[in-house]
Amino acid sequence: QVQLVQSGGGLVQAGGILRLSCATSGSIFNIDAMSWYRQAPGKQRELVATIRRGGSTNYADSVKGRFTISRGNAENTVNLQMNSLKPEDTAVYFCNAVRGLTSFWGQGTQVTVSS
């Protein structure tokens, strides 16, 4: 059974730094892209950052210049470095992997930024 296992997150003051990691458990081959999404209370889930198989990345405007998505050392792992965190970054963050029409999701990790 394929799973995405997330780690990191937690509580930090505004201006602080957090790092999220996501690793696959089980066999996933030919991943097209891995992404981070977030969902704040009462809001829809939104795309934060994506890294594609070729290495290209894109970011939500709200996190550009502050967040960095990168591949981990192990295959099919992805990290999200979050700098200069703001209270509005508070949300549950989800890792996502896409292969063709199939989408895999992590369990979600709470990130709370206090003002």
N, C-alpha and C. Protein backbone atom coordinates (compact mmCIF):
# COMPACT_ATOMS: atom_id res chain seq x y z
N GLN A 1 0.85 -1.19 0.00
CA GLN A 1 0.00 0.00 0.00
C GLN A 1 0.89 1.24 0.00
N VAL A 2 0.59 2.15 -0.88
CA VAL A 2 1.38 3.37 -1.02
C VAL A 2 0.87 4.43 -0.07
N GLN A 3 1.79 5.06 0.63
CA GLN A 3 1.43 6.16 1.49
C GLN A 3 2.46 7.27 1.38
N LEU A 4 2.03 8.48 1.66
CA LEU A 4 2.93 9.61 1.81
C LEU A 4 3.00 9.95 3.29
N VAL A 5 4.19 9.94 3.84
CA VAL A 5 4.37 10.16 5.27
C VAL A 5 5.04 11.51 5.47
N GLN A 6 4.36 12.37 6.20
CA GLN A 6 4.85 13.72 6.44
C GLN A 6 5.50 13.84 7.79
N SER A 7 6.44 14.77 7.90
CA SER A 7 7.07 15.10 9.17
C SER A 7 7.39 16.59 9.19
N GLY A 8 7.63 17.10 10.39
CA GLY A 8 7.92 18.51 10.54
C GLY A 8 6.68 19.27 10.97
N GLY A 9 6.74 20.57 10.84
CA GLY A 9 5.62 21.42 11.24
C GLY A 9 5.69 21.74 12.72
N GLY A 10 4.61 22.34 13.23
CA GLY A 10 4.54 22.70 14.63
C GLY A 10 4.17 24.16 14.84
N LEU A 11 4.60 24.69 15.96
CA LEU A 11 4.27 26.07 16.36
C LEU A 11 5.52 26.93 16.31
N VAL A 12 5.38 28.11 15.71
CA VAL A 12 6.51 29.03 15.60
C VAL A 12 5.99 30.46 15.67
N GLN A 13 6.83 31.37 16.10
CA GLN A 13 6.45 32.77 16.10
C GLN A 13 6.60 33.36 14.71
N ALA A 14 5.88 34.44 14.47
CA ALA A 14 5.99 35.14 13.19
C ALA A 14 7.45 35.51 12.91
N GLY A 15 7.85 35.30 11.67
CA GLY A 15 9.24 35.53 11.29
C GLY A 15 10.11 34.31 11.43
N GLY A 16 9.57 33.26 12.00
CA GLY A 16 10.33 32.05 12.24
C GLY A 16 10.43 31.14 11.03
N ILE A 17 11.05 29.99 11.26
CA ILE A 17 11.34 29.03 10.19
C ILE A 17 10.81 27.66 10.59
N LEU A 18 10.24 26.96 9.61
CA LEU A 18 9.87 25.57 9.77
C LEU A 18 10.21 24.82 8.49
N ARG A 19 10.33 23.52 8.64
CA ARG A 19 10.63 22.67 7.48
C ARG A 19 9.71 21.46 7.51
N LEU A 20 9.08 21.18 6.38
CA LEU A 20 8.23 20.01 6.23
C LEU A 20 8.92 19.02 5.30
N SER A 21 8.73 17.74 5.60
CA SER A 21 9.26 16.70 4.74
C SER A 21 8.17 15.69 4.42
N CYS A 22 8.31 15.05 3.28
CA CYS A 22 7.33 14.07 2.84
C CYS A 22 8.07 12.94 2.16
N ALA A 23 7.81 11.73 2.57
CA ALA A 23 8.45 10.57 1.99
C ALA A 23 7.40 9.54 1.62
N THR A 24 7.69 8.79 0.57
CA THR A 24 6.76 7.75 0.17
C THR A 24 7.04 6.47 0.91
N SER A 25 5.99 5.81 1.29
CA SER A 25 6.08 4.51 1.92
C SER A 25 5.41 3.52 0.97
N GLY A 26 6.14 2.59 0.47
CA GLY A 26 5.61 1.72 -0.56
C GLY A 26 6.22 2.11 -1.89
N SER A 27 5.84 1.46 -2.94
CA SER A 27 6.46 1.68 -4.24
C SER A 27 5.64 2.64 -5.10
N ILE A 28 6.21 3.77 -5.38
CA ILE A 28 5.62 4.70 -6.33
C ILE A 28 6.66 4.96 -7.40
N PHE A 29 6.32 4.67 -8.63
CA PHE A 29 7.25 4.91 -9.72
C PHE A 29 6.69 5.98 -10.65
N ASN A 30 7.60 6.63 -11.36
CA ASN A 30 7.22 7.60 -12.39
C ASN A 30 6.31 8.69 -11.85
N ILE A 31 6.71 9.27 -10.73
CA ILE A 31 5.96 10.41 -10.20
C ILE A 31 6.13 11.60 -11.14
N ASP A 32 5.04 12.24 -11.50
CA ASP A 32 5.09 13.38 -12.40
C ASP A 32 5.41 14.67 -11.65
N ALA A 33 4.85 14.80 -10.47
CA ALA A 33 5.06 16.02 -9.69
C ALA A 33 4.73 15.74 -8.23
N MET A 34 5.40 16.48 -7.36
CA MET A 34 5.06 16.46 -5.95
C MET A 34 4.79 17.89 -5.51
N SER A 35 3.82 18.03 -4.64
CA SER A 35 3.37 19.37 -4.26
C SER A 35 3.07 19.42 -2.77
N TRP A 36 2.97 20.64 -2.30
CA TRP A 36 2.45 20.91 -0.96
C TRP A 36 1.20 21.77 -1.12
N TYR A 37 0.17 21.39 -0.41
CA TYR A 37 -1.08 22.14 -0.32
C TYR A 37 -1.27 22.53 1.13
N ARG A 38 -2.16 23.49 1.36
CA ARG A 38 -2.53 23.82 2.73
C ARG A 38 -4.00 24.18 2.79
N GLN A 39 -4.55 23.98 3.97
CA GLN A 39 -5.95 24.30 4.20
C GLN A 39 -6.09 24.94 5.56
N ALA A 40 -6.51 26.20 5.55
CA ALA A 40 -6.76 26.93 6.79
C ALA A 40 -8.21 26.71 7.20
N PRO A 41 -8.52 26.90 8.47
CA PRO A 41 -9.91 26.69 8.94
C PRO A 41 -10.90 27.54 8.16
N GLY A 42 -11.94 26.91 7.66
CA GLY A 42 -12.98 27.63 6.94
C GLY A 42 -12.62 28.01 5.53
N LYS A 43 -11.46 27.56 5.05
CA LYS A 43 -11.03 27.91 3.70
C LYS A 43 -10.82 26.65 2.87
N GLN A 44 -10.78 26.85 1.55
CA GLN A 44 -10.52 25.73 0.66
C GLN A 44 -9.03 25.39 0.67
N ARG A 45 -8.76 24.14 0.32
CA ARG A 45 -7.37 23.73 0.19
C ARG A 45 -6.75 24.46 -0.99
N GLU A 46 -5.53 24.97 -0.79
CA GLU A 46 -4.86 25.71 -1.84
C GLU A 46 -3.47 25.15 -2.11
N LEU A 47 -3.04 25.28 -3.34
CA LEU A 47 -1.72 24.82 -3.75
C LEU A 47 -0.68 25.82 -3.27
N VAL A 48 0.36 25.30 -2.62
CA VAL A 48 1.43 26.15 -2.10
C VAL A 48 2.64 26.12 -3.03
N ALA A 49 3.09 24.93 -3.39
CA ALA A 49 4.28 24.80 -4.22
C ALA A 49 4.30 23.44 -4.89
N THR A 50 4.92 23.39 -6.08
CA THR A 50 5.02 22.16 -6.85
C THR A 50 6.43 22.02 -7.39
N ILE A 51 6.93 20.79 -7.41
CA ILE A 51 8.17 20.49 -8.10
C ILE A 51 7.89 19.32 -9.05
N ARG A 52 8.25 19.51 -10.31
CA ARG A 52 7.95 18.50 -11.32
C ARG A 52 9.12 17.57 -11.54
N ARG A 53 8.89 16.51 -12.29
CA ARG A 53 9.92 15.51 -12.50
C ARG A 53 11.19 16.14 -13.05
N GLY A 54 11.06 17.09 -13.94
CA GLY A 54 12.23 17.73 -14.55
C GLY A 54 12.91 18.74 -13.65
N GLY A 55 12.30 19.02 -12.51
CA GLY A 55 12.91 19.95 -11.55
C GLY A 55 12.31 21.34 -11.53
N SER A 56 11.41 21.65 -12.48
CA SER A 56 10.81 22.98 -12.46
C SER A 56 9.88 23.11 -11.27
N THR A 57 9.77 24.32 -10.79
CA THR A 57 8.95 24.59 -9.61
C THR A 57 8.00 25.76 -9.87
N ASN A 58 6.95 25.81 -9.09
CA ASN A 58 6.11 27.00 -9.07
C ASN A 58 5.52 27.16 -7.67
N TYR A 59 5.19 28.39 -7.36
CA TYR A 59 4.75 28.74 -6.01
C TYR A 59 3.51 29.62 -6.06
N ALA A 60 2.72 29.52 -5.02
CA ALA A 60 1.63 30.47 -4.84
C ALA A 60 2.24 31.85 -4.61
N ASP A 61 1.58 32.88 -5.11
CA ASP A 61 2.10 34.24 -4.95
C ASP A 61 2.34 34.58 -3.49
N SER A 62 1.51 34.06 -2.62
CA SER A 62 1.58 34.41 -1.20
C SER A 62 2.83 33.89 -0.51
N VAL A 63 3.52 32.91 -1.13
CA VAL A 63 4.69 32.33 -0.48
C VAL A 63 5.98 32.55 -1.27
N LYS A 64 5.88 33.12 -2.44
CA LYS A 64 7.07 33.35 -3.26
C LYS A 64 8.11 34.16 -2.50
N GLY A 65 9.35 33.71 -2.58
CA GLY A 65 10.43 34.40 -1.89
C GLY A 65 10.61 33.99 -0.45
N ARG A 66 9.63 33.26 0.09
CA ARG A 66 9.73 32.82 1.49
C ARG A 66 9.81 31.30 1.62
N PHE A 67 9.13 30.59 0.75
CA PHE A 67 9.10 29.13 0.81
C PHE A 67 9.93 28.55 -0.34
N THR A 68 10.54 27.40 -0.09
CA THR A 68 11.30 26.71 -1.11
C THR A 68 10.96 25.22 -1.09
N ILE A 69 10.55 24.71 -2.24
CA ILE A 69 10.28 23.28 -2.36
C ILE A 69 11.50 22.63 -3.00
N SER A 70 11.86 21.46 -2.51
CA SER A 70 13.03 20.77 -3.05
C SER A 70 12.87 19.28 -2.88
N ARG A 71 13.63 18.55 -3.67
CA ARG A 71 13.63 17.09 -3.54
C ARG A 71 14.54 16.70 -2.38
N GLY A 72 14.15 15.65 -1.69
CA GLY A 72 15.00 15.12 -0.64
C GLY A 72 16.08 14.23 -1.23
N ASN A 73 16.94 13.74 -0.38
CA ASN A 73 18.03 12.88 -0.84
C ASN A 73 17.51 11.53 -1.33
N ALA A 74 16.48 11.02 -0.70
CA ALA A 74 15.92 9.74 -1.11
C ALA A 74 14.94 9.96 -2.26
N GLU A 75 14.74 8.94 -3.05
CA GLU A 75 13.84 9.02 -4.18
C GLU A 75 12.42 9.30 -3.70
N ASN A 76 11.72 10.12 -4.45
CA ASN A 76 10.32 10.42 -4.16
C ASN A 76 10.12 10.99 -2.76
N THR A 77 11.02 11.88 -2.38
CA THR A 77 10.82 12.65 -1.16
C THR A 77 10.86 14.12 -1.54
N VAL A 78 10.17 14.91 -0.75
CA VAL A 78 10.11 16.34 -1.04
C VAL A 78 10.08 17.11 0.28
N ASN A 79 10.74 18.26 0.27
CA ASN A 79 10.79 19.11 1.44
C ASN A 79 10.17 20.47 1.12
N LEU A 80 9.70 21.14 2.15
CA LEU A 80 9.23 22.51 2.02
C LEU A 80 9.89 23.33 3.13
N GLN A 81 10.81 24.18 2.74
CA GLN A 81 11.46 25.08 3.67
C GLN A 81 10.64 26.35 3.74
N MET A 82 10.21 26.70 4.94
CA MET A 82 9.33 27.86 5.11
C MET A 82 10.03 28.89 5.98
N ASN A 83 10.40 30.00 5.39
CA ASN A 83 11.07 31.09 6.09
C ASN A 83 10.14 32.28 6.23
N SER A 84 10.48 33.17 7.13
CA SER A 84 9.71 34.40 7.33
C SER A 84 8.22 34.10 7.45
N LEU A 85 7.90 33.16 8.29
CA LEU A 85 6.51 32.73 8.42
C LEU A 85 5.62 33.84 8.97
N LYS A 86 4.39 33.84 8.48
CA LYS A 86 3.40 34.83 8.89
C LYS A 86 2.21 34.12 9.52
N PRO A 87 1.46 34.82 10.35
CA PRO A 87 0.27 34.19 10.94
C PRO A 87 -0.69 33.64 9.89
N GLU A 88 -0.76 34.28 8.74
CA GLU A 88 -1.66 33.80 7.69
C GLU A 88 -1.16 32.51 7.03
N ASP A 89 0.02 32.06 7.37
CA ASP A 89 0.50 30.75 6.89
C ASP A 89 -0.04 29.61 7.74
N THR A 90 -0.71 29.94 8.83
CA THR A 90 -1.27 28.91 9.69
C THR A 90 -2.29 28.07 8.94
N ALA A 91 -2.07 26.76 8.94
CA ALA A 91 -2.94 25.84 8.19
C ALA A 91 -2.47 24.41 8.43
N VAL A 92 -3.27 23.48 7.96
CA VAL A 92 -2.81 22.10 7.85
C VAL A 92 -2.19 21.94 6.47
N TYR A 93 -0.98 21.45 6.43
CA TYR A 93 -0.24 21.30 5.18
C TYR A 93 -0.27 19.83 4.75
N PHE A 94 -0.52 19.61 3.47
CA PHE A 94 -0.64 18.28 2.91
C PHE A 94 0.37 18.07 1.79
N CYS A 95 1.03 16.95 1.81
CA CYS A 95 1.90 16.55 0.72
C CYS A 95 1.07 15.82 -0.33
N ASN A 96 1.42 16.01 -1.58
CA ASN A 96 0.69 15.38 -2.68
C ASN A 96 1.67 14.89 -3.73
N ALA A 97 1.39 13.73 -4.29
CA ALA A 97 2.17 13.19 -5.40
C ALA A 97 1.20 12.78 -6.51
N VAL A 98 1.57 13.10 -7.73
CA VAL A 98 0.72 12.79 -8.88
C VAL A 98 1.47 11.89 -9.84
N ARG A 99 0.79 10.84 -10.26
CA ARG A 99 1.31 9.97 -11.30
C ARG A 99 0.16 9.76 -12.29
N GLY A 100 0.28 10.36 -13.44
CA GLY A 100 -0.81 10.28 -14.41
C GLY A 100 -2.07 10.89 -13.83
N LEU A 101 -3.13 10.06 -13.76
CA LEU A 101 -4.40 10.53 -13.22
C LEU A 101 -4.57 10.16 -11.75
N THR A 102 -3.55 9.58 -11.17
CA THR A 102 -3.63 9.13 -9.78
C THR A 102 -2.94 10.13 -8.87
N SER A 103 -3.62 10.44 -7.78
CA SER A 103 -3.10 11.40 -6.81
C SER A 103 -2.99 10.74 -5.45
N PHE A 104 -1.87 10.95 -4.79
CA PHE A 104 -1.64 10.39 -3.45
C PHE A 104 -1.51 11.56 -2.48
N TRP A 105 -1.99 11.36 -1.25
CA TRP A 105 -1.98 12.43 -0.25
C TRP A 105 -1.34 11.97 1.05
N GLY A 106 -0.63 12.92 1.67
CA GLY A 106 -0.13 12.69 3.00
C GLY A 106 -1.22 12.91 4.04
N GLN A 107 -0.86 12.67 5.30
CA GLN A 107 -1.85 12.69 6.37
C GLN A 107 -2.17 14.10 6.87
N GLY A 108 -1.35 15.08 6.49
CA GLY A 108 -1.56 16.44 6.96
C GLY A 108 -0.72 16.75 8.18
N THR A 109 -0.20 17.95 8.22
CA THR A 109 0.64 18.41 9.33
C THR A 109 0.24 19.83 9.71
N GLN A 110 0.01 20.05 10.98
CA GLN A 110 -0.39 21.38 11.42
C GLN A 110 0.82 22.31 11.50
N VAL A 111 0.66 23.48 10.93
CA VAL A 111 1.63 24.57 11.06
C VAL A 111 0.88 25.75 11.67
N THR A 112 1.37 26.22 12.80
CA THR A 112 0.75 27.35 13.48
C THR A 112 1.78 28.44 13.68
N VAL A 113 1.46 29.63 13.21
CA VAL A 113 2.36 30.78 13.33
C VAL A 113 1.69 31.81 14.23
N SER A 114 2.31 32.08 15.35
CA SER A 114 1.74 33.04 16.29
C SER A 114 2.26 34.44 16.01
N SER A 115 1.42 35.42 16.30
CA SER A 115 1.82 36.81 16.03
C SER A 115 2.52 37.43 17.22
